[in-house]
Amino acid sequence: MSNCKSCDRLNKLANLNEKELIEQQLSLEFDLADEDVKEERLSICLSCPFLNQQTCSKCGCYVLFRSSVLNKKCPINKW
């Protein structure tokens, strides 16, 4: 273990996959969209030209996270 807290944190994060990180963050949210809303939002994101792998190139968020939180909106107003 190094003396650098930032390096230690980055090493721990590197060992987690993106889906686990998103699930951990969603567990802290209280205003989650129901499954139908989330799926509808994700289907729109999947056909969007701003989707870059799993993230939105307009806002930088993971689309799985953003689509799962009820009070979040699409940065280009598609949902």
PDB file of N, CA and C in Angstrom:
ATOM      1  N   MET A   1       0.847  -1.187   0.000  1.00  0.00           N
ATOM      2  CA  MET A   1       0.000   0.000   0.000  1.00  0.00           C
ATOM      3  C   MET A   1       0.886   1.241   0.000  1.00  0.00           C
ATOM      4  N   SER A   2       0.547   2.193  -0.842  1.00  0.00           N
ATOM      5  CA  SER A   2       1.342   3.412  -0.924  1.00  0.00           C
ATOM      6  C   SER A   2       0.868   4.414   0.121  1.00  0.00           C
ATOM      7  N   ASN A   3       1.568   5.513   0.218  1.00  0.00           N
ATOM      8  CA  ASN A   3       1.183   6.586   1.133  1.00  0.00           C
ATOM      9  C   ASN A   3       0.240   7.581   0.481  1.00  0.00           C
ATOM     10  N   CYS A   4      -0.005   7.429  -0.802  1.00  0.00           N
ATOM     11  CA  CYS A   4      -0.847   8.354  -1.553  1.00  0.00           C
ATOM     12  C   CYS A   4      -2.302   7.885  -1.512  1.00  0.00           C
ATOM     13  N   LYS A   5      -3.153   8.665  -0.841  1.00  0.00           N
ATOM     14  CA  LYS A   5      -4.566   8.279  -0.732  1.00  0.00           C
ATOM     15  C   LYS A   5      -5.254   8.287  -2.087  1.00  0.00           C
ATOM     16  N   SER A   6      -4.911   9.250  -2.911  1.00  0.00           N
ATOM     17  CA  SER A   6      -5.522   9.324  -4.237  1.00  0.00           C
ATOM     18  C   SER A   6      -5.156   8.111  -5.088  1.00  0.00           C
ATOM     19  N   CYS A   7      -3.908   7.711  -5.034  1.00  0.00           N
ATOM     20  CA  CYS A   7      -3.465   6.532  -5.791  1.00  0.00           C
ATOM     21  C   CYS A   7      -4.157   5.276  -5.292  1.00  0.00           C
ATOM     22  N   ASP A   8      -4.281   5.157  -3.972  1.00  0.00           N
ATOM     23  CA  ASP A   8      -4.972   3.998  -3.401  1.00  0.00           C
ATOM     24  C   ASP A   8      -6.420   3.949  -3.866  1.00  0.00           C
ATOM     25  N   ARG A   9      -7.087   5.103  -3.868  1.00  0.00           N
ATOM     26  CA  ARG A   9      -8.486   5.168  -4.289  1.00  0.00           C
ATOM     27  C   ARG A   9      -8.616   4.795  -5.762  1.00  0.00           C
ATOM     28  N   LEU A  10      -7.726   5.313  -6.592  1.00  0.00           N
ATOM     29  CA  LEU A  10      -7.765   4.989  -8.021  1.00  0.00           C
ATOM     30  C   LEU A  10      -7.527   3.511  -8.264  1.00  0.00           C
ATOM     31  N   ASN A  11      -6.636   2.912  -7.504  1.00  0.00           N
ATOM     32  CA  ASN A  11      -6.397   1.472  -7.644  1.00  0.00           C
ATOM     33  C   ASN A  11      -7.630   0.670  -7.267  1.00  0.00           C
ATOM     34  N   LYS A  12      -8.328   1.076  -6.210  1.00  0.00           N
ATOM     35  CA  LYS A  12      -9.552   0.381  -5.811  1.00  0.00           C
ATOM     36  C   LYS A  12     -10.623   0.521  -6.880  1.00  0.00           C
ATOM     37  N   LEU A  13     -10.765   1.728  -7.426  1.00  0.00           N
ATOM     38  CA  LEU A  13     -11.767   1.956  -8.465  1.00  0.00           C
ATOM     39  C   LEU A  13     -11.452   1.172  -9.732  1.00  0.00           C
ATOM     40  N   ALA A  14     -10.196   1.023 -10.051  1.00  0.00           N
ATOM     41  CA  ALA A  14      -9.800   0.279 -11.243  1.00  0.00           C
ATOM     42  C   ALA A  14     -10.203  -1.179 -11.146  1.00  0.00           C
ATOM     43  N   ASN A  15     -10.356  -1.682  -9.946  1.00  0.00           N
ATOM     44  CA  ASN A  15     -10.730  -3.080  -9.753  1.00  0.00           C
ATOM     45  C   ASN A  15     -12.241  -3.297  -9.798  1.00  0.00           C
ATOM     46  N   LEU A  16     -13.013  -2.227  -9.820  1.00  0.00           N
ATOM     47  CA  LEU A  16     -14.470  -2.339  -9.933  1.00  0.00           C
ATOM     48  C   LEU A  16     -14.877  -2.089 -11.377  1.00  0.00           C
ATOM     49  N   ASN A  17     -15.919  -2.745 -11.809  1.00  0.00           N
ATOM     50  CA  ASN A  17     -16.373  -2.443 -13.159  1.00  0.00           C
ATOM     51  C   ASN A  17     -17.405  -1.315 -13.120  1.00  0.00           C
ATOM     52  N   GLU A  18     -17.683  -0.750 -14.284  1.00  0.00           N
ATOM     53  CA  GLU A  18     -18.565   0.407 -14.355  1.00  0.00           C
ATOM     54  C   GLU A  18     -19.962   0.113 -13.818  1.00  0.00           C
ATOM     55  N   LYS A  19     -20.471  -1.072 -14.128  1.00  0.00           N
ATOM     56  CA  LYS A  19     -21.821  -1.411 -13.673  1.00  0.00           C
ATOM     57  C   LYS A  19     -21.882  -1.458 -12.147  1.00  0.00           C
ATOM     58  N   GLU A  20     -20.868  -1.992 -11.503  1.00  0.00           N
ATOM     59  CA  GLU A  20     -20.841  -2.020 -10.042  1.00  0.00           C
ATOM     60  C   GLU A  20     -20.797  -0.612  -9.467  1.00  0.00           C
ATOM     61  N   LEU A  21     -20.013   0.276 -10.093  1.00  0.00           N
ATOM     62  CA  LEU A  21     -19.938   1.662  -9.627  1.00  0.00           C
ATOM     63  C   LEU A  21     -21.279   2.365  -9.770  1.00  0.00           C
ATOM     64  N   ILE A  22     -21.950   2.136 -10.887  1.00  0.00           N
ATOM     65  CA  ILE A  22     -23.266   2.747 -11.101  1.00  0.00           C
ATOM     66  C   ILE A  22     -24.267   2.215 -10.086  1.00  0.00           C
ATOM     67  N   GLU A  23     -24.253   0.916  -9.854  1.00  0.00           N
ATOM     68  CA  GLU A  23     -25.164   0.324  -8.870  1.00  0.00           C
ATOM     69  C   GLU A  23     -24.903   0.871  -7.470  1.00  0.00           C
ATOM     70  N   GLN A  24     -23.634   1.060  -7.114  1.00  0.00           N
ATOM     71  CA  GLN A  24     -23.320   1.633  -5.810  1.00  0.00           C
ATOM     72  C   GLN A  24     -23.877   3.045  -5.686  1.00  0.00           C
ATOM     73  N   GLN A  25     -23.709   3.847  -6.734  1.00  0.00           N
ATOM     74  CA  GLN A  25     -24.213   5.225  -6.691  1.00  0.00           C
ATOM     75  C   GLN A  25     -25.740   5.244  -6.671  1.00  0.00           C
ATOM     76  N   LEU A  26     -26.369   4.362  -7.440  1.00  0.00           N
ATOM     77  CA  LEU A  26     -27.840   4.317  -7.450  1.00  0.00           C
ATOM     78  C   LEU A  26     -28.399   3.914  -6.085  1.00  0.00           C
ATOM     79  N   SER A  27     -27.649   3.134  -5.340  1.00  0.00           N
ATOM     80  CA  SER A  27     -28.124   2.731  -4.014  1.00  0.00           C
ATOM     81  C   SER A  27     -28.216   3.923  -3.067  1.00  0.00           C
ATOM     82  N   LEU A  28     -27.567   5.027  -3.410  1.00  0.00           N
ATOM     83  CA  LEU A  28     -27.615   6.241  -2.588  1.00  0.00           C
ATOM     84  C   LEU A  28     -28.746   7.176  -3.009  1.00  0.00           C
ATOM     85  N   GLU A  29     -29.333   6.916  -4.163  1.00  0.00           N
ATOM     86  CA  GLU A  29     -30.412   7.762  -4.682  1.00  0.00           C
ATOM     87  C   GLU A  29     -31.751   7.338  -4.082  1.00  0.00           C
ATOM     88  N   PHE A  30     -32.662   8.274  -3.942  1.00  0.00           N
ATOM     89  CA  PHE A  30     -33.976   7.954  -3.391  1.00  0.00           C
ATOM     90  C   PHE A  30     -35.104   8.150  -4.389  1.00  0.00           C
ATOM     91  N   ASP A  31     -34.834   8.764  -5.512  1.00  0.00           N
ATOM     92  CA  ASP A  31     -35.869   9.073  -6.488  1.00  0.00           C
ATOM     93  C   ASP A  31     -35.604   8.314  -7.787  1.00  0.00           C
ATOM     94  N   LEU A  32     -35.730   6.982  -7.730  1.00  0.00           N
ATOM     95  CA  LEU A  32     -35.423   6.160  -8.891  1.00  0.00           C
ATOM     96  C   LEU A  32     -36.636   5.986  -9.798  1.00  0.00           C
ATOM     97  N   ALA A  33     -36.373   5.953 -11.084  1.00  0.00           N
ATOM     98  CA  ALA A  33     -37.428   5.724 -12.069  1.00  0.00           C
ATOM     99  C   ALA A  33     -37.818   4.251 -12.035  1.00  0.00           C
ATOM    100  N   ASP A  34     -39.083   3.970 -12.365  1.00  0.00           N
ATOM    101  CA  ASP A  34     -39.473   2.564 -12.427  1.00  0.00           C
ATOM    102  C   ASP A  34     -38.856   1.943 -13.687  1.00  0.00           C
ATOM    103  N   GLU A  35     -38.902   0.637 -13.756  1.00  0.00           N
ATOM    104  CA  GLU A  35     -38.215  -0.103 -14.823  1.00  0.00           C
ATOM    105  C   GLU A  35     -38.686   0.311 -16.221  1.00  0.00           C
ATOM    106  N   ASP A  36     -39.988   0.574 -16.398  1.00  0.00           N
ATOM    107  CA  ASP A  36     -40.507   0.964 -17.714  1.00  0.00           C
ATOM    108  C   ASP A  36     -39.930   2.304 -18.165  1.00  0.00           C
ATOM    109  N   VAL A  37     -39.883   3.268 -17.259  1.00  0.00           N
ATOM    110  CA  VAL A  37     -39.338   4.589 -17.584  1.00  0.00           C
ATOM    111  C   VAL A  37     -37.856   4.462 -17.921  1.00  0.00           C
ATOM    112  N   LYS A  38     -37.128   3.721 -17.112  1.00  0.00           N
ATOM    113  CA  LYS A  38     -35.696   3.534 -17.346  1.00  0.00           C
ATOM    114  C   LYS A  38     -35.448   2.890 -18.704  1.00  0.00           C
ATOM    115  N   GLU A  39     -36.190   1.851 -19.034  1.00  0.00           N
ATOM    116  CA  GLU A  39     -36.008   1.162 -20.315  1.00  0.00           C
ATOM    117  C   GLU A  39     -36.351   2.071 -21.494  1.00  0.00           C
ATOM    118  N   GLU A  40     -37.404   2.872 -21.355  1.00  0.00           N
ATOM    119  CA  GLU A  40     -37.768   3.799 -22.424  1.00  0.00           C
ATOM    120  C   GLU A  40     -36.660   4.833 -22.646  1.00  0.00           C
ATOM    121  N   ARG A  41     -36.142   5.374 -21.553  1.00  0.00           N
ATOM    122  CA  ARG A  41     -35.053   6.345 -21.653  1.00  0.00           C
ATOM    123  C   ARG A  41     -33.806   5.718 -22.271  1.00  0.00           C
ATOM    124  N   LEU A  42     -33.458   4.524 -21.820  1.00  0.00           N
ATOM    125  CA  LEU A  42     -32.269   3.854 -22.358  1.00  0.00           C
ATOM    126  C   LEU A  42     -32.408   3.572 -23.852  1.00  0.00           C
ATOM    127  N   SER A  43     -33.597   3.193 -24.291  1.00  0.00           N
ATOM    128  CA  SER A  43     -33.783   2.909 -25.719  1.00  0.00           C
ATOM    129  C   SER A  43     -33.574   4.177 -26.551  1.00  0.00           C
ATOM    130  N   ILE A  44     -33.980   5.315 -26.017  1.00  0.00           N
ATOM    131  CA  ILE A  44     -33.740   6.593 -26.702  1.00  0.00           C
ATOM    132  C   ILE A  44     -32.238   6.883 -26.738  1.00  0.00           C
ATOM    133  N   CYS A  45     -31.567   6.677 -25.616  1.00  0.00           N
ATOM    134  CA  CYS A  45     -30.121   6.913 -25.543  1.00  0.00           C
ATOM    135  C   CYS A  45     -29.357   6.013 -26.518  1.00  0.00           C
ATOM    136  N   LEU A  46     -29.786   4.771 -26.656  1.00  0.00           N
ATOM    137  CA  LEU A  46     -29.077   3.832 -27.527  1.00  0.00           C
ATOM    138  C   LEU A  46     -29.100   4.245 -28.992  1.00  0.00           C
ATOM    139  N   SER A  47     -30.102   5.029 -29.376  1.00  0.00           N
ATOM    140  CA  SER A  47     -30.171   5.481 -30.761  1.00  0.00           C
ATOM    141  C   SER A  47     -29.643   6.914 -30.935  1.00  0.00           C
ATOM    142  N   CYS A  48     -29.117   7.495 -29.885  1.00  0.00           N
ATOM    143  CA  CYS A  48     -28.656   8.881 -29.924  1.00  0.00           C
ATOM    144  C   CYS A  48     -27.231   8.978 -30.493  1.00  0.00           C
ATOM    145  N   PRO A  49     -26.991   9.953 -31.362  1.00  0.00           N
ATOM    146  CA  PRO A  49     -25.642  10.110 -31.922  1.00  0.00           C
ATOM    147  C   PRO A  49     -24.604  10.583 -30.888  1.00  0.00           C
ATOM    148  N   PHE A  50     -25.050  11.052 -29.748  1.00  0.00           N
ATOM    149  CA  PHE A  50     -24.130  11.519 -28.708  1.00  0.00           C
ATOM    150  C   PHE A  50     -23.726  10.424 -27.726  1.00  0.00           C
ATOM    151  N   LEU A  51     -24.260   9.222 -27.916  1.00  0.00           N
ATOM    152  CA  LEU A  51     -23.859   8.094 -27.068  1.00  0.00           C
ATOM    153  C   LEU A  51     -22.449   7.665 -27.463  1.00  0.00           C
ATOM    154  N   ASN A  52     -21.567   7.615 -26.487  1.00  0.00           N
ATOM    155  CA  ASN A  52     -20.181   7.201 -26.712  1.00  0.00           C
ATOM    156  C   ASN A  52     -19.896   6.058 -25.756  1.00  0.00           C
ATOM    157  N   GLN A  53     -20.006   4.847 -26.250  1.00  0.00           N
ATOM    158  CA  GLN A  53     -19.923   3.636 -25.448  1.00  0.00           C
ATOM    159  C   GLN A  53     -21.041   3.693 -24.401  1.00  0.00           C
ATOM    160  N   GLN A  54     -20.742   3.893 -23.139  1.00  0.00           N
ATOM    161  CA  GLN A  54     -21.785   3.904 -22.111  1.00  0.00           C
ATOM    162  C   GLN A  54     -22.074   5.309 -21.579  1.00  0.00           C
ATOM    163  N   THR A  55     -21.451   6.307 -22.191  1.00  0.00           N
ATOM    164  CA  THR A  55     -21.619   7.668 -21.681  1.00  0.00           C
ATOM    165  C   THR A  55     -22.218   8.603 -22.719  1.00  0.00           C
ATOM    166  N   CYS A  56     -22.782   9.676 -22.217  1.00  0.00           N
ATOM    167  CA  CYS A  56     -23.335  10.730 -23.061  1.00  0.00           C
ATOM    168  C   CYS A  56     -22.232  11.754 -23.321  1.00  0.00           C
ATOM    169  N   SER A  57     -21.939  12.028 -24.570  1.00  0.00           N
ATOM    170  CA  SER A  57     -20.874  12.981 -24.867  1.00  0.00           C
ATOM    171  C   SER A  57     -21.315  14.426 -24.664  1.00  0.00           C
ATOM    172  N   LYS A  58     -22.595  14.663 -24.448  1.00  0.00           N
ATOM    173  CA  LYS A  58     -23.077  16.018 -24.162  1.00  0.00           C
ATOM    174  C   LYS A  58     -22.859  16.391 -22.702  1.00  0.00           C
ATOM    175  N   CYS A  59     -23.129  15.473 -21.781  1.00  0.00           N
ATOM    176  CA  CYS A  59     -23.027  15.806 -20.353  1.00  0.00           C
ATOM    177  C   CYS A  59     -21.974  14.981 -19.623  1.00  0.00           C
ATOM    178  N   GLY A  60     -21.492  13.904 -20.229  1.00  0.00           N
ATOM    179  CA  GLY A  60     -20.454  13.088 -19.621  1.00  0.00           C
ATOM    180  C   GLY A  60     -20.952  12.026 -18.660  1.00  0.00           C
ATOM    181  N   CYS A  61     -22.258  11.909 -18.490  1.00  0.00           N
ATOM    182  CA  CYS A  61     -22.789  10.940 -17.530  1.00  0.00           C
ATOM    183  C   CYS A  61     -22.842   9.540 -18.129  1.00  0.00           C
ATOM    184  N   TYR A  62     -22.917   8.563 -17.239  1.00  0.00           N
ATOM    185  CA  TYR A  62     -23.236   7.203 -17.670  1.00  0.00           C
ATOM    186  C   TYR A  62     -24.730   7.176 -17.929  1.00  0.00           C
ATOM    187  N   VAL A  63     -25.146   6.768 -19.120  1.00  0.00           N
ATOM    188  CA  VAL A  63     -26.566   6.804 -19.454  1.00  0.00           C
ATOM    189  C   VAL A  63     -27.379   5.853 -18.578  1.00  0.00           C
ATOM    190  N   LEU A  64     -26.786   4.755 -18.121  1.00  0.00           N
ATOM    191  CA  LEU A  64     -27.503   3.848 -17.232  1.00  0.00           C
ATOM    192  C   LEU A  64     -27.855   4.549 -15.920  1.00  0.00           C
ATOM    193  N   PHE A  65     -26.950   5.362 -15.405  1.00  0.00           N
ATOM    194  CA  PHE A  65     -27.229   6.109 -14.176  1.00  0.00           C
ATOM    195  C   PHE A  65     -28.280   7.178 -14.427  1.00  0.00           C
ATOM    196  N   ARG A  66     -28.050   8.020 -15.403  1.00  0.00           N
ATOM    197  CA  ARG A  66     -28.944   9.164 -15.651  1.00  0.00           C
ATOM    198  C   ARG A  66     -30.368   8.694 -15.960  1.00  0.00           C
ATOM    199  N   SER A  67     -30.495   7.636 -16.726  1.00  0.00           N
ATOM    200  CA  SER A  67     -31.826   7.150 -17.093  1.00  0.00           C
ATOM    201  C   SER A  67     -32.554   6.514 -15.913  1.00  0.00           C
ATOM    202  N   SER A  68     -31.823   6.140 -14.875  1.00  0.00           N
ATOM    203  CA  SER A  68     -32.412   5.466 -13.719  1.00  0.00           C
ATOM    204  C   SER A  68     -32.915   6.409 -12.636  1.00  0.00           C
ATOM    205  N   VAL A  69     -32.519   7.671 -12.698  1.00  0.00           N
ATOM    206  CA  VAL A  69     -32.912   8.636 -11.668  1.00  0.00           C
ATOM    207  C   VAL A  69     -34.052   9.480 -12.223  1.00  0.00           C
ATOM    208  N   LEU A  70     -35.172   9.452 -11.528  1.00  0.00           N
ATOM    209  CA  LEU A  70     -36.403  10.067 -12.033  1.00  0.00           C
ATOM    210  C   LEU A  70     -36.257  11.552 -12.337  1.00  0.00           C
ATOM    211  N   ASN A  71     -35.580  12.305 -11.500  1.00  0.00           N
ATOM    212  CA  ASN A  71     -35.524  13.757 -11.716  1.00  0.00           C
ATOM    213  C   ASN A  71     -34.419  14.199 -12.681  1.00  0.00           C
ATOM    214  N   LYS A  72     -33.682  13.263 -13.274  1.00  0.00           N
ATOM    215  CA  LYS A  72     -32.663  13.601 -14.272  1.00  0.00           C
ATOM    216  C   LYS A  72     -33.343  13.772 -15.627  1.00  0.00           C
ATOM    217  N   LYS A  73     -32.750  14.596 -16.461  1.00  0.00           N
ATOM    218  CA  LYS A  73     -33.284  14.856 -17.797  1.00  0.00           C
ATOM    219  C   LYS A  73     -32.178  14.658 -18.832  1.00  0.00           C
ATOM    220  N   CYS A  74     -32.566  14.369 -20.034  1.00  0.00           N
ATOM    221  CA  CYS A  74     -31.637  14.289 -21.154  1.00  0.00           C
ATOM    222  C   CYS A  74     -31.072  15.690 -21.417  1.00  0.00           C
ATOM    223  N   PRO A  75     -29.776  15.820 -21.623  1.00  0.00           N
ATOM    224  CA  PRO A  75     -29.201  17.153 -21.853  1.00  0.00           C
ATOM    225  C   PRO A  75     -29.643  17.805 -23.168  1.00  0.00           C
ATOM    226  N   ILE A  76     -30.201  17.016 -24.082  1.00  0.00           N
ATOM    227  CA  ILE A  76     -30.708  17.600 -25.329  1.00  0.00           C
ATOM    228  C   ILE A  76     -32.221  17.398 -25.450  1.00  0.00           C
ATOM    229  N   ASN A  77     -32.863  17.190 -24.310  1.00  0.00           N
ATOM    230  CA  ASN A  77     -34.330  17.138 -24.202  1.00  0.00           C
ATOM    231  C   ASN A  77     -35.009  16.042 -25.020  1.00  0.00           C
ATOM    232  N   LYS A  78     -34.360  14.893 -25.146  1.00  0.00           N
ATOM    233  CA  LYS A  78     -35.016  13.761 -25.832  1.00  0.00           C
ATOM    234  C   LYS A  78     -35.947  13.015 -24.887  1.00  0.00           C
ATOM    235  N   TRP A  79     -35.737  13.147 -23.574  1.00  0.00           N
ATOM    236  CA  TRP A  79     -36.655  12.599 -22.573  1.00  0.00           C
ATOM    237  C   TRP A  79     -36.595  13.430 -21.319  1.00  0.00           C
TER     238      TRP A  79
END
